[in-house]
C-alpha atoms as a PDB file:
ATOM      1  CA  MET A   1      61.919  80.819  66.436  1.00  0.00           C
ATOM      2  CA  ALA A   2      60.514  80.057  69.895  1.00  0.00           C
ATOM      3  CA  SER A   3      56.778  80.042  70.300  1.00  0.00           C
ATOM      4  CA  PRO A   4      55.178  82.296  72.926  1.00  0.00           C
ATOM      5  CA  THR A   5      54.169  79.225  74.909  1.00  0.00           C
ATOM      6  CA  GLN A   6      57.732  78.002  75.368  1.00  0.00           C
ATOM      7  CA  SER A   7      59.381  79.152  78.552  1.00  0.00           C
ATOM      8  CA  LYS A   8      62.649  81.038  78.524  1.00  0.00           C
ATOM      9  CA  PRO A   9      65.625  79.498  80.286  1.00  0.00           C
ATOM     10  CA  ARG A  10      65.632  80.444  83.949  1.00  0.00           C
ATOM     11  CA  ILE A  11      68.555  82.476  85.243  1.00  0.00           C
ATOM     12  CA  ASP A  12      69.667  81.815  88.780  1.00  0.00           C
ATOM     13  CA  VAL A  13      69.881  85.435  89.862  1.00  0.00           C
ATOM     14  CA  LYS A  14      71.285  84.594  93.292  1.00  0.00           C
ATOM     15  CA  ALA A  15      74.137  82.518  91.829  1.00  0.00           C
ATOM     16  CA  ALA A  16      74.895  85.192  89.238  1.00  0.00           C
ATOM     17  CA  LEU A  17      75.005  87.854  91.954  1.00  0.00           C
ATOM     18  CA  GLU A  18      77.336  85.752  94.140  1.00  0.00           C
ATOM     19  CA  GLU A  19      79.652  85.137  91.174  1.00  0.00           C
ATOM     20  CA  THR A  20      79.747  88.836  90.358  1.00  0.00           C
ATOM     21  CA  GLN A  21      80.531  89.713  93.985  1.00  0.00           C
ATOM     22  CA  CYS A  22      83.293  87.085  94.063  1.00  0.00           C
ATOM     23  CA  GLU A  23      84.842  88.518  90.890  1.00  0.00           C
ATOM     24  CA  ALA A  24      84.608  92.021  92.356  1.00  0.00           C
ATOM     25  CA  LEU A  25      86.392  90.917  95.539  1.00  0.00           C
ATOM     26  CA  HIS A  26      89.099  89.195  93.512  1.00  0.00           C
ATOM     27  CA  HIS A  27      89.547  92.326  91.399  1.00  0.00           C
ATOM     28  CA  GLN A  28      89.637  94.519  94.508  1.00  0.00           C
ATOM     29  CA  SER A  29      92.316  92.377  96.176  1.00  0.00           C
ATOM     30  CA  ALA A  30      94.378  92.446  92.970  1.00  0.00           C
ATOM     31  CA  VAL A  31      94.122  96.241  92.851  1.00  0.00           C
ATOM     32  CA  GLU A  32      95.159  96.469  96.517  1.00  0.00           C
ATOM     33  CA  GLU A  33      98.182  94.239  95.839  1.00  0.00           C
ATOM     34  CA  ILE A  34      99.237  96.468  92.944  1.00  0.00           C
ATOM     35  CA  ARG A  35      98.894  99.528  95.161  1.00  0.00           C
ATOM     36  CA  LYS A  36     101.085  97.918  97.847  1.00  0.00           C
ATOM     37  CA  CYS A  37     103.795  97.230  95.284  1.00  0.00           C
ATOM     38  CA  ALA A  38     103.522 100.753  93.908  1.00  0.00           C
ATOM     39  CA  LYS A  39     104.042 102.210  97.390  1.00  0.00           C
ATOM     40  CA  ALA A  40     107.285 100.291  97.885  1.00  0.00           C
ATOM     41  CA  PRO A  41     110.282 102.580  97.511  1.00  0.00           C
ATOM     42  CA  VAL A  42     111.823 102.130  94.104  1.00  0.00           C
ATOM     43  CA  GLU A  43     115.078 103.749  93.178  1.00  0.00           C
ATOM     44  CA  PRO A  44     114.891 104.907  89.585  1.00  0.00           C
ATOM     45  CA  TYR A  45     117.805 104.077  87.356  1.00  0.00           C
ATOM     46  CA  ILE A  46     119.702 107.055  86.052  1.00  0.00           C
ATOM     47  CA  PHE A  47     121.550 106.147  82.871  1.00  0.00           C
ATOM     48  CA  ILE A  48     124.837 107.839  82.112  1.00  0.00           C
ATOM     49  CA  LYS A  49     127.013 107.710  79.015  1.00  0.00           C
ATOM     50  CA  LEU A  50     130.765 107.119  78.807  1.00  0.00           C
ATOM     51  CA  PRO A  51     131.832 110.797  79.070  1.00  0.00           C
ATOM     52  CA  LYS A  52     130.085 111.118  82.438  1.00  0.00           C
ATOM     53  CA  VAL A  53     131.495 107.769  83.637  1.00  0.00           C
ATOM     54  CA  LYS A  54     134.968 109.030  82.727  1.00  0.00           C
ATOM     55  CA  ALA A  55     134.324 112.303  84.574  1.00  0.00           C
ATOM     56  CA  LEU A  56     133.062 110.520  87.708  1.00  0.00           C
ATOM     57  CA  THR A  57     135.958 108.069  87.819  1.00  0.00           C
ATOM     58  CA  THR A  58     138.809 109.970  86.119  1.00  0.00           C
ATOM     59  CA  LEU A  59     139.571 106.729  84.256  1.00  0.00           C
ATOM     60  CA  SER A  60     140.180 106.545  80.513  1.00  0.00           C
ATOM     61  CA  ALA A  61     137.739 104.662  78.301  1.00  0.00           C
ATOM     62  CA  SER A  62     140.242 101.869  77.717  1.00  0.00           C
ATOM     63  CA  GLU A  63     140.839 101.479  81.470  1.00  0.00           C
ATOM     64  CA  ILE A  64     137.080 101.361  82.125  1.00  0.00           C
ATOM     65  CA  TYR A  65     136.658  98.573  79.566  1.00  0.00           C
ATOM     66  CA  ARG A  66     139.732  96.747  80.928  1.00  0.00           C
ATOM     67  CA  ARG A  67     138.218  96.776  84.412  1.00  0.00           C
ATOM     68  CA  ILE A  68     134.830  95.627  83.091  1.00  0.00           C
ATOM     69  CA  ALA A  69     136.583  92.668  81.434  1.00  0.00           C
ATOM     70  CA  ALA A  70     138.384  91.924  84.707  1.00  0.00           C
ATOM     71  CA  GLY A  71     135.110  92.112  86.623  1.00  0.00           C
ATOM     72  CA  THR A  72     136.211  95.019  88.800  1.00  0.00           C
ATOM     73  CA  PHE A  73     133.963  97.730  87.347  1.00  0.00           C
ATOM     74  CA  PRO A  74     130.191  97.831  86.780  1.00  0.00           C
ATOM     75  CA  LYS A  75     129.106  96.428  83.427  1.00  0.00           C
ATOM     76  CA  GLN A  76     127.347  98.663  80.966  1.00  0.00           C
ATOM     77  CA  VAL A  77     123.709  98.201  79.930  1.00  0.00           C
ATOM     78  CA  ALA A  78     123.009  97.777  76.217  1.00  0.00           C
ATOM     79  CA  LEU A  79     120.122  99.936  75.048  1.00  0.00           C
ATOM     80  CA  GLY A  80     120.547  98.953  71.430  1.00  0.00           C
ATOM     81  CA  PRO A  81     123.106  97.549  69.024  1.00  0.00           C
ATOM     82  CA  LYS A  82     125.215 100.721  69.157  1.00  0.00           C
ATOM     83  CA  SER A  83     124.200 102.314  72.447  1.00  0.00           C
ATOM     84  CA  VAL A  84     125.391 101.499  75.957  1.00  0.00           C
ATOM     85  CA  VAL A  85     124.949 103.262  79.288  1.00  0.00           C
ATOM     86  CA  TRP A  86     125.948 102.717  82.891  1.00  0.00           C
ATOM     87  CA  ILE A  87     123.717 102.953  85.930  1.00  0.00           C
ATOM     88  CA  GLU A  88     124.869 106.014  87.835  1.00  0.00           C
ATOM     89  CA  SER A  89     124.290 104.521  91.300  1.00  0.00           C
ATOM     90  CA  GLU A  90     126.509 101.528  90.431  1.00  0.00           C
ATOM     91  CA  VAL A  91     129.349 103.783  89.277  1.00  0.00           C
ATOM     92  CA  LEU A  92     129.008 105.929  92.404  1.00  0.00           C
ATOM     93  CA  ALA A  93     128.979 102.807  94.617  1.00  0.00           C
ATOM     94  CA  TRP A  94     132.147 101.571  92.865  1.00  0.00           C
ATOM     95  CA  ARG A  95     133.752 104.943  93.567  1.00  0.00           C
ATOM     96  CA  GLU A  96     132.801 104.716  97.268  1.00  0.00           C
ATOM     97  CA  VAL A  97     134.350 101.249  97.497  1.00  0.00           C
ATOM     98  CA  CYS A  98     137.577 102.596  95.987  1.00  0.00           C
ATOM     99  CA  VAL A  99     137.724 105.349  98.600  1.00  0.00           C
ATOM    100  CA  SER A 100     136.949 102.922 101.450  1.00  0.00           C
ATOM    101  CA  GLU A 101     139.602 100.451 100.310  1.00  0.00           C
ATOM    102  CA  SER A 102     142.130 103.246  99.950  1.00  0.00           C
ATOM    103  CA  ARG A 103     141.452 104.560 103.450  1.00  0.00           C
ATOM    104  CA  GLU A 104     141.674 101.091 105.006  1.00  0.00           C
ATOM    105  CA  GLU A 105     145.094 100.448 103.424  1.00  0.00           C
ATOM    106  CA  VAL A 106     146.507 103.700 104.804  1.00  0.00           C
ATOM    107  CA  VAL A 107     145.402 102.996 108.394  1.00  0.00           C
END
């Protein structure tokens, strides 16, 4: 136990204050960076199951999987060992490409 005559270690208050302010500025800039990223437009993924993919494309399940294997149709996303989905915007974009290619061939 320290005796009353021993002095306590001196704390450099100025240095501690500067360090705290520096940490606060760093934290503030990090928060601002996160806010900038959050404001960026982000398109949410809409997951759709096979029945909706079939309805949007009018393709059979076997034809969808054939085209995936050939690399001409968007790949599915595995959500688990027995669950897959497609990203709706990718299927819709594929459909638009089909229409565009069809119209260009006719012209």
